[in-house]
Amino acid sequence: MTTEIIGLLAETYIHPGTGQSAGAIDLPVARERVTQYPFIPGSSMKGALLDASRGNGLDTDRLFGQQENAGQLLVSDARLLLLPVRSLTSPYVWLTCPYLIERFRRDMERAGKGGALPKVTPLTDDKALAAGTTDLFLEERLFAVENKPPEELAAAIGTLIPHAEARARLSRQLAIVTDKAFAWFAQYALPVQARNVLDEEKKTSKNLWYEEALSPDTLMYFVLGERADGAAAKIATFLAERRYLQAGGNETVGQGWFAVRRVEGAAS
């Protein structure tokens, strides 16, 4: 049986909604129950893959199943790995933490693509691993830079990024903070967009609401498994040829587009 890893680099804002309000935000993003990290449920990813596969010569009933039969394809949640965060020292920083790196390592090993990813942890919640200056300003928070992230870590994460230019700058923009510090950014540093419905005659507001979203250049990934030989490889090959996938809400206003990359071989 084959297991595939598919990288997802956000090209637009992504809104994996929950349909429930949370305080001042009417439509928050979906979050993992325990960690509160944003994610896209596997059911949503499976639906996005099914929509993209229709009319492209694939046996969708066999791969994805029907109401009375399970399909051959196994689709995981899309997990967060790098979160773009505003910085005073660069346009933005790709932020991650030891726990997300550990999960990525475990998923790569499960897929048989797990090279020796280094284990890295900043000493305290006010320190970070990053390239460049001795101080790192993220949103309103200041971190003292201890060291640079290992080059082999940037290379392994780069296997998920479809664009060569983005992979080339990853080592300069990658930053690692503690799990606790990252949880703050995952909770409070996502963009919130105001949307409105206007009265057609008076041009006044009929319905104003606020939506949370993931920024462009957010890096996620998901795992494809199979119940029958060839199912995962067929979809992975299809995605590699297609190069883009729409997932999440607000498709009609241009949101939800990912550039995709199939991880080939072992991570370096």
C-alpha atoms as a PDB file:
ATOM      1  CA  MET A   1       0.000   0.000   0.000  1.00  0.00           C
ATOM      2  CA  THR A   2       1.181   3.496  -0.874  1.00  0.00           C
ATOM      3  CA  THR A   3       1.010   6.595   1.305  1.00  0.00           C
ATOM      4  CA  GLU A   4       1.461  10.030  -0.248  1.00  0.00           C
ATOM      5  CA  ILE A   5       2.217  13.444   1.284  1.00  0.00           C
ATOM      6  CA  ILE A   6       0.775  16.477  -0.528  1.00  0.00           C
ATOM      7  CA  GLY A   7       2.007  19.989   0.285  1.00  0.00           C
ATOM      8  CA  LEU A   8      -0.459  22.900   0.176  1.00  0.00           C
ATOM      9  CA  LEU A   9       0.812  26.473  -0.189  1.00  0.00           C
ATOM     10  CA  ALA A  10      -1.997  29.040   0.062  1.00  0.00           C
ATOM     11  CA  GLU A  11      -2.165  31.330  -2.973  1.00  0.00           C
ATOM     12  CA  THR A  12      -5.168  33.266  -1.630  1.00  0.00           C
ATOM     13  CA  TYR A  13      -6.921  33.694   1.697  1.00  0.00           C
ATOM     14  CA  ILE A  14      -8.252  30.370   2.975  1.00  0.00           C
ATOM     15  CA  HIS A  15     -11.470  30.082   4.997  1.00  0.00           C
ATOM     16  CA  PRO A  16     -11.986  26.572   6.383  1.00  0.00           C
ATOM     17  CA  GLY A  17     -15.076  27.644   8.284  1.00  0.00           C
ATOM     18  CA  THR A  18     -16.949  26.036  11.146  1.00  0.00           C
ATOM     19  CA  GLY A  19     -20.342  27.699  10.575  1.00  0.00           C
ATOM     20  CA  GLN A  20     -20.395  28.850  14.215  1.00  0.00           C
ATOM     21  CA  SER A  21     -19.644  32.209  15.753  1.00  0.00           C
ATOM     22  CA  ALA A  22     -16.938  32.748  18.363  1.00  0.00           C
ATOM     23  CA  GLY A  23     -17.248  36.024  20.242  1.00  0.00           C
ATOM     24  CA  ALA A  24     -16.690  39.035  17.999  1.00  0.00           C
ATOM     25  CA  ILE A  25     -15.819  36.820  14.995  1.00  0.00           C
ATOM     26  CA  ASP A  26     -18.946  35.593  13.268  1.00  0.00           C
ATOM     27  CA  LEU A  27     -17.206  32.964  11.116  1.00  0.00           C
ATOM     28  CA  PRO A  28     -13.955  31.657  12.643  1.00  0.00           C
ATOM     29  CA  VAL A  29     -11.690  29.127  10.984  1.00  0.00           C
ATOM     30  CA  ALA A  30     -11.901  25.465  11.940  1.00  0.00           C
ATOM     31  CA  ARG A  31      -9.519  24.597  14.759  1.00  0.00           C
ATOM     32  CA  GLU A  32      -8.259  21.387  16.290  1.00  0.00           C
ATOM     33  CA  ARG A  33     -10.079  20.743  19.560  1.00  0.00           C
ATOM     34  CA  VAL A  34      -6.993  20.213  21.731  1.00  0.00           C
ATOM     35  CA  THR A  35      -4.307  22.448  20.196  1.00  0.00           C
ATOM     36  CA  GLN A  36      -6.599  25.141  18.714  1.00  0.00           C
ATOM     37  CA  TYR A  37      -4.389  25.157  15.606  1.00  0.00           C
ATOM     38  CA  PRO A  38      -6.245  25.937  12.343  1.00  0.00           C
ATOM     39  CA  PHE A  39      -6.834  22.915  10.114  1.00  0.00           C
ATOM     40  CA  ILE A  40      -9.024  21.696   7.250  1.00  0.00           C
ATOM     41  CA  PRO A  41     -11.068  18.574   8.122  1.00  0.00           C
ATOM     42  CA  GLY A  42     -10.425  15.463   6.080  1.00  0.00           C
ATOM     43  CA  SER A  43     -14.061  15.441   4.950  1.00  0.00           C
ATOM     44  CA  SER A  44     -13.575  18.904   3.409  1.00  0.00           C
ATOM     45  CA  MET A  45     -10.332  17.828   1.739  1.00  0.00           C
ATOM     46  CA  LYS A  46     -12.022  14.718   0.350  1.00  0.00           C
ATOM     47  CA  GLY A  47     -14.842  16.847  -1.054  1.00  0.00           C
ATOM     48  CA  ALA A  48     -12.361  19.259  -2.631  1.00  0.00           C
ATOM     49  CA  LEU A  49     -10.493  16.372  -4.261  1.00  0.00           C
ATOM     50  CA  LEU A  50     -13.744  14.856  -5.514  1.00  0.00           C
ATOM     51  CA  ASP A  51     -14.852  18.149  -7.081  1.00  0.00           C
ATOM     52  CA  ALA A  52     -11.471  18.589  -8.766  1.00  0.00           C
ATOM     53  CA  SER A  53     -11.450  14.979 -10.040  1.00  0.00           C
ATOM     54  CA  ARG A  54     -14.844  14.985 -11.757  1.00  0.00           C
ATOM     55  CA  GLY A  55     -14.647  14.999 -15.538  1.00  0.00           C
ATOM     56  CA  ASN A  56     -10.927  14.238 -15.626  1.00  0.00           C
ATOM     57  CA  GLY A  57     -10.971  10.554 -16.540  1.00  0.00           C
ATOM     58  CA  LEU A  58     -10.850   9.243 -12.963  1.00  0.00           C
ATOM     59  CA  ASP A  59     -13.235   6.627 -11.594  1.00  0.00           C
ATOM     60  CA  THR A  60     -14.567   8.871  -8.812  1.00  0.00           C
ATOM     61  CA  ASP A  61     -17.164   6.361  -7.602  1.00  0.00           C
ATOM     62  CA  ARG A  62     -14.458   3.754  -7.061  1.00  0.00           C
ATOM     63  CA  LEU A  63     -11.916   6.160  -5.572  1.00  0.00           C
ATOM     64  CA  PHE A  64     -14.167   8.284  -3.363  1.00  0.00           C
ATOM     65  CA  GLY A  65     -17.060   5.922  -2.769  1.00  0.00           C
ATOM     66  CA  GLN A  66     -20.822   6.351  -2.895  1.00  0.00           C
ATOM     67  CA  GLN A  67     -23.502   6.594  -0.246  1.00  0.00           C
ATOM     68  CA  GLU A  68     -23.680   2.816   0.145  1.00  0.00           C
ATOM     69  CA  ASN A  69     -19.986   2.008  -0.440  1.00  0.00           C
ATOM     70  CA  ALA A  70     -16.723   3.353   0.992  1.00  0.00           C
ATOM     71  CA  GLY A  71     -14.113   4.472  -1.509  1.00  0.00           C
ATOM     72  CA  GLN A  72     -10.556   3.244  -1.948  1.00  0.00           C
ATOM     73  CA  LEU A  73      -8.972   6.587  -1.050  1.00  0.00           C
ATOM     74  CA  LEU A  74      -8.118   7.611   2.528  1.00  0.00           C
ATOM     75  CA  VAL A  75      -7.802  11.382   3.044  1.00  0.00           C
ATOM     76  CA  SER A  76      -6.418  12.986   6.199  1.00  0.00           C
ATOM     77  CA  ASP A  77      -7.007  16.438   7.653  1.00  0.00           C
ATOM     78  CA  ALA A  78      -4.871  19.214   6.173  1.00  0.00           C
ATOM     79  CA  ARG A  79      -2.442  20.131   8.948  1.00  0.00           C
ATOM     80  CA  LEU A  80      -0.740  23.460   9.548  1.00  0.00           C
ATOM     81  CA  LEU A  81       3.057  23.609   9.329  1.00  0.00           C
ATOM     82  CA  LEU A  82       4.070  27.232   8.584  1.00  0.00           C
ATOM     83  CA  LEU A  83       2.059  30.310   9.552  1.00  0.00           C
ATOM     84  CA  PRO A  84       2.895  33.691   7.932  1.00  0.00           C
ATOM     85  CA  VAL A  85       3.284  36.305  10.679  1.00  0.00           C
ATOM     86  CA  ARG A  86       3.946  40.035  10.301  1.00  0.00           C
ATOM     87  CA  SER A  87       7.450  41.165  11.200  1.00  0.00           C
ATOM     88  CA  LEU A  88       9.387  44.441  11.439  1.00  0.00           C
ATOM     89  CA  THR A  89      12.536  42.846  10.030  1.00  0.00           C
ATOM     90  CA  SER A  90      11.064  41.297   6.854  1.00  0.00           C
ATOM     91  CA  PRO A  91       7.764  41.357   4.920  1.00  0.00           C
ATOM     92  CA  TYR A  92       6.699  38.363   6.992  1.00  0.00           C
ATOM     93  CA  VAL A  93       8.138  35.362   8.800  1.00  0.00           C
ATOM     94  CA  TRP A  94       7.166  31.734   8.252  1.00  0.00           C
ATOM     95  CA  LEU A  95       6.534  30.653  11.833  1.00  0.00           C
ATOM     96  CA  THR A  96       6.407  27.141  13.250  1.00  0.00           C
ATOM     97  CA  CYS A  97       7.080  25.333  16.524  1.00  0.00           C
ATOM     98  CA  PRO A  98       8.638  22.054  17.766  1.00  0.00           C
ATOM     99  CA  TYR A  99       5.307  20.237  18.011  1.00  0.00           C
ATOM    100  CA  LEU A 100       4.335  20.978  14.385  1.00  0.00           C
ATOM    101  CA  ILE A 101       7.790  19.856  13.263  1.00  0.00           C
ATOM    102  CA  GLU A 102       7.404  16.651  15.293  1.00  0.00           C
ATOM    103  CA  ARG A 103       4.015  15.927  13.681  1.00  0.00           C
ATOM    104  CA  PHE A 104       5.469  16.567  10.236  1.00  0.00           C
ATOM    105  CA  ARG A 105       8.335  14.178  11.008  1.00  0.00           C
ATOM    106  CA  ARG A 106       5.906  11.466  12.139  1.00  0.00           C
ATOM    107  CA  ASP A 107       3.693  11.875   9.062  1.00  0.00           C
ATOM    108  CA  MET A 108       6.712  11.729   6.754  1.00  0.00           C
ATOM    109  CA  GLU A 109       7.892   8.538   8.473  1.00  0.00           C
ATOM    110  CA  ARG A 110       4.416   7.022   8.130  1.00  0.00           C
ATOM    111  CA  ALA A 111       4.554   7.740   4.398  1.00  0.00           C
ATOM    112  CA  GLY A 112       8.010   6.219   4.094  1.00  0.00           C
ATOM    113  CA  LYS A 113       9.538   9.599   3.224  1.00  0.00           C
ATOM    114  CA  GLY A 114      10.916  10.527   6.630  1.00  0.00           C
ATOM    115  CA  GLY A 115      14.516  11.661   6.515  1.00  0.00           C
ATOM    116  CA  ALA A 116      16.352  12.597   9.705  1.00  0.00           C
ATOM    117  CA  LEU A 117      14.610  15.820  10.685  1.00  0.00           C
ATOM    118  CA  PRO A 118      16.424  17.575  13.531  1.00  0.00           C
ATOM    119  CA  LYS A 119      14.682  18.220  16.844  1.00  0.00           C
ATOM    120  CA  VAL A 120      14.765  21.923  17.710  1.00  0.00           C
ATOM    121  CA  THR A 121      13.339  23.809  20.682  1.00  0.00           C
ATOM    122  CA  PRO A 122      14.014  27.417  21.758  1.00  0.00           C
ATOM    123  CA  LEU A 123      15.083  27.634  25.377  1.00  0.00           C
ATOM    124  CA  THR A 124      12.298  29.912  26.623  1.00  0.00           C
ATOM    125  CA  ASP A 125       9.068  31.518  25.382  1.00  0.00           C
ATOM    126  CA  ASP A 126      10.828  34.825  24.610  1.00  0.00           C
ATOM    127  CA  LYS A 127      13.467  33.240  22.358  1.00  0.00           C
ATOM    128  CA  ALA A 128      13.408  32.029  18.761  1.00  0.00           C
ATOM    129  CA  LEU A 129      15.466  30.322  16.111  1.00  0.00           C
ATOM    130  CA  ALA A 130      15.666  32.550  13.035  1.00  0.00           C
ATOM    131  CA  ALA A 131      18.056  33.917  10.440  1.00  0.00           C
ATOM    132  CA  GLY A 132      19.356  37.475  10.489  1.00  0.00           C
ATOM    133  CA  THR A 133      19.206  39.881  13.384  1.00  0.00           C
ATOM    134  CA  THR A 134      19.602  39.325  17.107  1.00  0.00           C
ATOM    135  CA  ASP A 135      16.026  40.507  17.746  1.00  0.00           C
ATOM    136  CA  LEU A 136      12.887  39.259  16.036  1.00  0.00           C
ATOM    137  CA  PHE A 137       9.735  41.382  16.141  1.00  0.00           C
ATOM    138  CA  LEU A 138       6.536  39.422  15.399  1.00  0.00           C
ATOM    139  CA  GLU A 139       3.261  41.345  15.658  1.00  0.00           C
ATOM    140  CA  GLU A 140       3.696  43.216  18.982  1.00  0.00           C
ATOM    141  CA  ARG A 141       5.999  40.599  20.506  1.00  0.00           C
ATOM    142  CA  LEU A 142       9.800  40.613  20.750  1.00  0.00           C
ATOM    143  CA  PHE A 143      11.937  37.467  20.618  1.00  0.00           C
ATOM    144  CA  ALA A 144      15.689  37.139  21.148  1.00  0.00           C
ATOM    145  CA  VAL A 145      17.250  35.056  18.387  1.00  0.00           C
ATOM    146  CA  GLU A 146      19.319  32.162  19.744  1.00  0.00           C
ATOM    147  CA  ASN A 147      20.505  30.620  16.494  1.00  0.00           C
ATOM    148  CA  LYS A 148      19.500  29.832  12.923  1.00  0.00           C
ATOM    149  CA  PRO A 149      17.147  26.923  12.154  1.00  0.00           C
ATOM    150  CA  PRO A 150      19.047  23.898  10.803  1.00  0.00           C
ATOM    151  CA  GLU A 151      19.449  23.938   7.025  1.00  0.00           C
ATOM    152  CA  GLU A 152      18.275  20.329   6.787  1.00  0.00           C
ATOM    153  CA  LEU A 153      14.979  21.323   8.411  1.00  0.00           C
ATOM    154  CA  ALA A 154      14.358  24.052   5.832  1.00  0.00           C
ATOM    155  CA  ALA A 155      15.225  21.551   3.090  1.00  0.00           C
ATOM    156  CA  ALA A 156      12.730  19.002   4.430  1.00  0.00           C
ATOM    157  CA  ILE A 157       9.936  21.567   4.761  1.00  0.00           C
ATOM    158  CA  GLY A 158      10.809  22.853   1.296  1.00  0.00           C
ATOM    159  CA  THR A 159       9.727  19.528  -0.208  1.00  0.00           C
ATOM    160  CA  LEU A 160       6.130  20.677   0.438  1.00  0.00           C
ATOM    161  CA  ILE A 161       6.482  24.043  -1.352  1.00  0.00           C
ATOM    162  CA  PRO A 162       5.606  24.039  -5.068  1.00  0.00           C
ATOM    163  CA  HIS A 163       7.411  27.239  -6.134  1.00  0.00           C
ATOM    164  CA  ALA A 164      11.197  27.325  -6.467  1.00  0.00           C
ATOM    165  CA  GLU A 165      11.356  31.015  -5.511  1.00  0.00           C
ATOM    166  CA  ALA A 166       9.480  30.381  -2.282  1.00  0.00           C
ATOM    167  CA  ARG A 167      11.665  27.387  -1.434  1.00  0.00           C
ATOM    168  CA  ALA A 168      14.769  29.518  -2.002  1.00  0.00           C
ATOM    169  CA  ARG A 169      13.729  32.116   0.576  1.00  0.00           C
ATOM    170  CA  LEU A 170      12.448  29.652   3.162  1.00  0.00           C
ATOM    171  CA  SER A 171      15.766  29.448   5.038  1.00  0.00           C
ATOM    172  CA  ARG A 172      15.827  33.270   5.344  1.00  0.00           C
ATOM    173  CA  GLN A 173      12.221  33.566   6.556  1.00  0.00           C
ATOM    174  CA  LEU A 174      11.815  30.458   8.701  1.00  0.00           C
ATOM    175  CA  ALA A 175      11.461  31.065  12.450  1.00  0.00           C
ATOM    176  CA  ILE A 176      10.803  28.638  15.288  1.00  0.00           C
ATOM    177  CA  VAL A 177       9.298  29.589  18.645  1.00  0.00           C
ATOM    178  CA  THR A 178       8.127  27.455  21.552  1.00  0.00           C
ATOM    179  CA  ASP A 179       4.823  25.596  21.349  1.00  0.00           C
ATOM    180  CA  LYS A 180       3.322  28.010  23.878  1.00  0.00           C
ATOM    181  CA  ALA A 181       4.402  31.113  21.942  1.00  0.00           C
ATOM    182  CA  PHE A 182       3.188  29.651  18.645  1.00  0.00           C
ATOM    183  CA  ALA A 183      -0.228  28.912  20.148  1.00  0.00           C
ATOM    184  CA  TRP A 184      -0.647  32.646  20.805  1.00  0.00           C
ATOM    185  CA  PHE A 185      -0.008  33.520  17.143  1.00  0.00           C
ATOM    186  CA  ALA A 186      -2.277  30.712  15.921  1.00  0.00           C
ATOM    187  CA  GLN A 187      -5.042  32.113  18.129  1.00  0.00           C
ATOM    188  CA  TYR A 188      -4.630  35.876  17.708  1.00  0.00           C
ATOM    189  CA  ALA A 189      -2.539  36.623  14.595  1.00  0.00           C
ATOM    190  CA  LEU A 190      -4.913  35.429  11.856  1.00  0.00           C
ATOM    191  CA  PRO A 191      -6.460  38.084   9.593  1.00  0.00           C
ATOM    192  CA  VAL A 192     -10.103  39.002  10.176  1.00  0.00           C
ATOM    193  CA  GLN A 193     -12.057  40.342   7.204  1.00  0.00           C
ATOM    194  CA  ALA A 194     -15.236  42.416   7.320  1.00  0.00           C
ATOM    195  CA  ARG A 195     -17.895  41.476   4.757  1.00  0.00           C
ATOM    196  CA  ASN A 196     -21.146  43.248   4.082  1.00  0.00           C
ATOM    197  CA  VAL A 197     -24.473  42.957   2.283  1.00  0.00           C
ATOM    198  CA  LEU A 198     -25.877  46.267   1.015  1.00  0.00           C
ATOM    199  CA  ASP A 199     -29.486  47.252   0.481  1.00  0.00           C
ATOM    200  CA  GLU A 200     -29.873  47.514  -3.299  1.00  0.00           C
ATOM    201  CA  GLU A 201     -31.896  50.741  -3.158  1.00  0.00           C
ATOM    202  CA  LYS A 202     -30.519  52.606  -0.154  1.00  0.00           C
ATOM    203  CA  LYS A 203     -26.946  51.263  -0.420  1.00  0.00           C
ATOM    204  CA  THR A 204     -26.872  50.894   3.328  1.00  0.00           C
ATOM    205  CA  SER A 205     -25.697  47.905   5.285  1.00  0.00           C
ATOM    206  CA  LYS A 206     -28.165  45.057   5.697  1.00  0.00           C
ATOM    207  CA  ASN A 207     -25.772  42.539   7.177  1.00  0.00           C
ATOM    208  CA  LEU A 208     -22.214  43.111   8.387  1.00  0.00           C
ATOM    209  CA  TRP A 209     -20.165  40.144   9.534  1.00  0.00           C
ATOM    210  CA  TYR A 210     -16.538  39.266  10.310  1.00  0.00           C
ATOM    211  CA  GLU A 211     -14.660  36.248   8.976  1.00  0.00           C
ATOM    212  CA  GLU A 212     -11.379  34.768  10.135  1.00  0.00           C
ATOM    213  CA  ALA A 213      -9.039  33.388   7.471  1.00  0.00           C
ATOM    214  CA  LEU A 214      -5.593  31.965   6.855  1.00  0.00           C
ATOM    215  CA  SER A 215      -3.195  34.274   5.008  1.00  0.00           C
ATOM    216  CA  PRO A 216      -1.706  33.616   1.578  1.00  0.00           C
ATOM    217  CA  ASP A 217       1.555  31.631   1.870  1.00  0.00           C
ATOM    218  CA  THR A 218       0.245  29.559   4.779  1.00  0.00           C
ATOM    219  CA  LEU A 219       1.828  26.112   4.382  1.00  0.00           C
ATOM    220  CA  MET A 220      -0.218  22.998   5.134  1.00  0.00           C
ATOM    221  CA  TYR A 221      -0.083  19.377   4.034  1.00  0.00           C
ATOM    222  CA  PHE A 222      -2.251  16.271   4.032  1.00  0.00           C
ATOM    223  CA  VAL A 223      -1.747  12.539   3.769  1.00  0.00           C
ATOM    224  CA  LEU A 224      -3.295  10.246   1.159  1.00  0.00           C
ATOM    225  CA  GLY A 225      -3.688   6.571   1.991  1.00  0.00           C
ATOM    226  CA  GLU A 226      -5.502   3.768   0.204  1.00  0.00           C
ATOM    227  CA  ARG A 227      -7.575   0.645   0.731  1.00  0.00           C
ATOM    228  CA  ALA A 228      -6.553  -0.754  -2.665  1.00  0.00           C
ATOM    229  CA  ASP A 229      -3.256  -0.506  -4.522  1.00  0.00           C
ATOM    230  CA  GLY A 230      -2.911   2.518  -6.797  1.00  0.00           C
ATOM    231  CA  ALA A 231      -5.656   4.758  -5.398  1.00  0.00           C
ATOM    232  CA  ALA A 232      -3.374   7.223  -3.594  1.00  0.00           C
ATOM    233  CA  ALA A 233      -0.882   7.347  -6.456  1.00  0.00           C
ATOM    234  CA  LYS A 234      -3.635   8.119  -8.985  1.00  0.00           C
ATOM    235  CA  ILE A 235      -4.823  11.162  -7.041  1.00  0.00           C
ATOM    236  CA  ALA A 236      -1.272  12.279  -6.223  1.00  0.00           C
ATOM    237  CA  THR A 237      -0.330  12.087  -9.915  1.00  0.00           C
ATOM    238  CA  PHE A 238      -3.499  13.952 -10.874  1.00  0.00           C
ATOM    239  CA  LEU A 239      -2.719  16.720  -8.362  1.00  0.00           C
ATOM    240  CA  ALA A 240       0.896  16.987  -9.557  1.00  0.00           C
ATOM    241  CA  GLU A 241      -0.354  17.542 -13.104  1.00  0.00           C
ATOM    242  CA  ARG A 242      -3.162  19.901 -12.082  1.00  0.00           C
ATOM    243  CA  ARG A 243      -0.913  21.923  -9.685  1.00  0.00           C
ATOM    244  CA  TYR A 244      -3.769  23.790  -7.945  1.00  0.00           C
ATOM    245  CA  LEU A 245      -6.636  22.828  -5.655  1.00  0.00           C
ATOM    246  CA  GLN A 246      -9.537  24.828  -4.215  1.00  0.00           C
ATOM    247  CA  ALA A 247     -10.600  23.995  -0.652  1.00  0.00           C
ATOM    248  CA  GLY A 248     -12.622  25.825   1.967  1.00  0.00           C
ATOM    249  CA  GLY A 249     -15.303  28.482   1.632  1.00  0.00           C
ATOM    250  CA  ASN A 250     -15.721  31.724  -0.320  1.00  0.00           C
ATOM    251  CA  GLU A 251     -14.756  30.246  -3.689  1.00  0.00           C
ATOM    252  CA  THR A 252     -16.938  32.793  -5.510  1.00  0.00           C
ATOM    253  CA  VAL A 253     -14.860  35.675  -4.116  1.00  0.00           C
ATOM    254  CA  GLY A 254     -11.573  34.062  -5.105  1.00  0.00           C
ATOM    255  CA  GLN A 255     -10.573  32.394  -1.852  1.00  0.00           C
ATOM    256  CA  GLY A 256      -9.461  28.868  -1.062  1.00  0.00           C
ATOM    257  CA  TRP A 257      -6.768  28.299  -3.706  1.00  0.00           C
ATOM    258  CA  PHE A 258      -3.696  26.225  -2.917  1.00  0.00           C
ATOM    259  CA  ALA A 259      -0.684  25.399  -5.036  1.00  0.00           C
ATOM    260  CA  VAL A 260       0.023  21.696  -4.486  1.00  0.00           C
ATOM    261  CA  ARG A 261       3.181  19.604  -4.505  1.00  0.00           C
ATOM    262  CA  ARG A 262       3.578  15.860  -4.228  1.00  0.00           C
ATOM    263  CA  VAL A 263       6.505  14.877  -2.007  1.00  0.00           C
ATOM    264  CA  GLU A 264       8.770  12.571  -3.967  1.00  0.00           C
ATOM    265  CA  GLY A 265      11.161  10.124  -2.303  1.00  0.00           C
ATOM    266  CA  ALA A 266      12.730  10.653   1.099  1.00  0.00           C
ATOM    267  CA  ALA A 267      13.083  14.047   2.739  1.00  0.00           C
ATOM    268  CA  SER A 268      16.625  15.345   2.923  1.00  0.00           C
END
